[in-house]
Protein backbone atom coordinates (compact mmCIF):
# COMPACT_ATOMS: atom_id res chain seq x y z
CA MET A 1 -22.69 37.14 -33.87
CA ALA A 2 -24.42 36.18 -30.61
CA GLU A 3 -27.60 37.91 -31.66
CA LYS A 4 -27.58 35.91 -34.97
CA LEU A 5 -27.08 32.80 -33.09
CA ARG A 6 -29.97 33.64 -30.72
CA LYS A 7 -32.19 34.26 -33.73
CA TRP A 8 -31.26 31.04 -35.29
CA LEU A 9 -31.91 29.16 -32.21
CA VAL A 10 -35.35 30.68 -31.90
CA GLU A 11 -36.22 29.88 -35.50
CA ILE A 12 -35.02 26.32 -35.08
CA SER A 13 -36.91 25.86 -31.83
CA CYS A 14 -40.19 27.23 -33.23
CA GLN A 15 -40.30 24.97 -36.14
CA PRO A 16 -42.74 22.26 -35.50
CA VAL A 17 -41.43 18.78 -35.39
CA SER A 18 -44.44 17.61 -37.31
CA GLY A 19 -43.56 20.08 -40.07
CA LEU A 20 -42.08 17.25 -41.91
CA GLY A 21 -45.23 15.35 -42.01
CA ASN A 22 -44.78 11.67 -42.85
CA VAL A 23 -41.45 12.23 -44.65
CA PRO A 24 -38.65 10.36 -42.72
CA ILE A 25 -35.52 12.49 -42.16
CA PRO A 26 -32.19 10.90 -43.15
CA LEU A 27 -29.93 10.03 -40.05
CA GLN A 28 -27.07 11.94 -41.58
CA GLN A 29 -29.13 15.12 -41.87
CA ALA A 30 -30.33 14.68 -38.43
CA ARG A 31 -26.78 14.32 -37.12
CA ALA A 32 -25.67 17.41 -39.05
CA LEU A 33 -28.55 19.49 -37.63
CA LEU A 34 -27.60 18.32 -34.22
CA ASP A 35 -23.97 19.15 -34.66
CA GLU A 36 -24.87 22.64 -36.00
CA VAL A 37 -27.13 23.24 -32.90
CA GLN A 38 -24.33 22.07 -30.50
CA VAL A 39 -21.68 24.27 -32.42
CA CYS A 40 -24.05 27.29 -32.16
CA LEU A 41 -24.68 26.58 -28.40
CA VAL A 42 -20.93 26.53 -27.69
CA CYS A 43 -20.39 29.75 -29.71
CA LEU A 44 -23.15 31.31 -27.81
CA LYS A 45 -21.65 30.31 -24.47
CA LYS A 46 -18.29 31.57 -25.50
CA GLU A 47 -19.75 34.89 -26.56
CA GLU A 48 -21.62 35.41 -23.32
CA LYS A 49 -18.46 34.73 -21.38
CA ASN A 50 -16.35 37.09 -23.54
CA PRO A 51 -14.36 39.36 -21.31
CA HIS A 52 -14.75 42.28 -23.69
CA LEU A 53 -18.51 42.05 -23.52
CA LEU A 54 -18.59 41.69 -19.79
CA TYR A 55 -16.19 44.70 -19.42
CA SER A 56 -18.46 46.87 -21.87
CA LEU A 57 -21.57 45.85 -19.77
CA HIS A 58 -19.85 46.85 -16.53
CA ASN A 59 -18.86 50.13 -18.09
CA PHE A 60 -22.30 50.73 -19.48
CA LYS A 61 -23.84 49.98 -16.01
CA HIS A 62 -21.30 52.32 -14.32
CA SER A 63 -22.09 55.01 -16.85
CA LEU A 64 -25.76 54.77 -16.21
CA LYS A 65 -25.16 54.93 -12.36
CA CYS A 66 -23.18 58.33 -13.17
CA ILE A 67 -25.92 59.72 -15.31
CA ARG A 68 -28.53 59.00 -12.61
CA PHE A 69 -26.40 60.63 -10.03
CA ARG A 70 -25.93 63.63 -12.31
CA LEU A 71 -29.46 63.79 -13.00
CA SER A 72 -30.58 63.85 -9.49
CA ALA A 73 -28.02 66.60 -8.79
CA LEU A 74 -29.29 68.68 -11.62
CA GLN A 75 -32.90 68.03 -10.40
CA LYS A 76 -31.81 69.30 -7.01
CA ALA A 77 -30.12 72.49 -8.45
CA ILE A 78 -33.23 73.14 -10.73
CA LEU A 79 -35.43 72.99 -7.67
CA GLY A 80 -33.17 75.26 -5.66
CA VAL A 81 -33.16 77.86 -8.61
CA SER A 82 -36.76 77.58 -9.02
CA SER A 83 -37.57 78.18 -5.24
CA SER A 84 -35.10 81.19 -5.45
CA LEU A 85 -36.89 82.62 -8.38
CA GLU A 86 -40.15 82.14 -6.55
CA LEU A 87 -38.95 84.06 -3.53
CA ALA A 88 -37.40 86.64 -5.67
CA SER A 89 -40.68 87.08 -7.46
CA LEU A 90 -42.54 87.30 -4.13
CA ARG A 91 -39.93 89.96 -3.14
CA SER A 92 -40.16 92.00 -6.23
CA ASN A 93 -43.86 92.00 -5.91
CA GLY A 94 -43.51 93.34 -2.52
CA VAL A 95 -41.01 96.03 -3.66
CA MET A 96 -43.41 96.91 -6.58
CA GLU A 97 -46.35 97.34 -4.15
CA MET A 98 -44.13 99.64 -1.97
CA LYS A 99 -43.09 101.51 -5.09
CA LEU A 100 -46.58 102.07 -6.02
CA GLU A 101 -47.67 103.01 -2.63
CA LEU A 102 -44.76 105.59 -2.47
CA ILE A 103 -45.72 106.92 -5.76
CA LYS A 104 -49.27 107.39 -4.70
CA ASN A 105 -48.07 109.12 -1.57
CA ILE A 106 -45.80 111.42 -3.49
CA GLN A 107 -48.72 112.19 -5.79
CA TRP A 108 -51.06 112.86 -3.02
CA ARG A 109 -48.57 115.11 -1.21
CA THR A 110 -47.90 116.99 -4.41
CA TYR A 111 -51.55 117.41 -5.08
CA TRP A 112 -52.00 118.60 -1.69
CA ALA A 113 -49.20 121.04 -1.77
CA LEU A 114 -50.44 122.35 -5.07
CA SER A 115 -53.98 122.69 -3.82
CA LEU A 116 -52.71 124.88 -0.82
CA GLU A 117 -50.40 126.99 -3.09
CA PRO A 118 -52.99 129.48 -4.25
CA HIS A 119 -54.17 129.92 -0.56
CA LEU A 120 -50.64 130.48 0.67
CA SER A 121 -49.73 132.81 -2.08
CA SER A 122 -53.06 134.94 -1.50
CA GLU A 123 -52.19 135.32 2.17
CA MET A 124 -48.92 136.92 1.51
């Protein structure tokens, strides 16, 4: 209702006064238009002070604060998880490097032991 009144007031206020041209407007019609505008203004003021609307607006603002608080908490949690994942990735890379080094070491020792085996068996 309030939105309809606002639109109507905007339409009325945007109409040029000279839009009538040289045609005079009857006094009764002018008074009726003035009364209609005043009634609309009274309705608009009542609508703006409506406790239900004020309560709804308060709840909306409160909900918005809660959403912002939750969003910041989620962003902090996501940042913590991403940093933990980054550390885990770095550690796993280090573990993989150690694993590869160990495999190379075992392969080298196995190769060295196998290469010595014919010499050891010939000596016995």
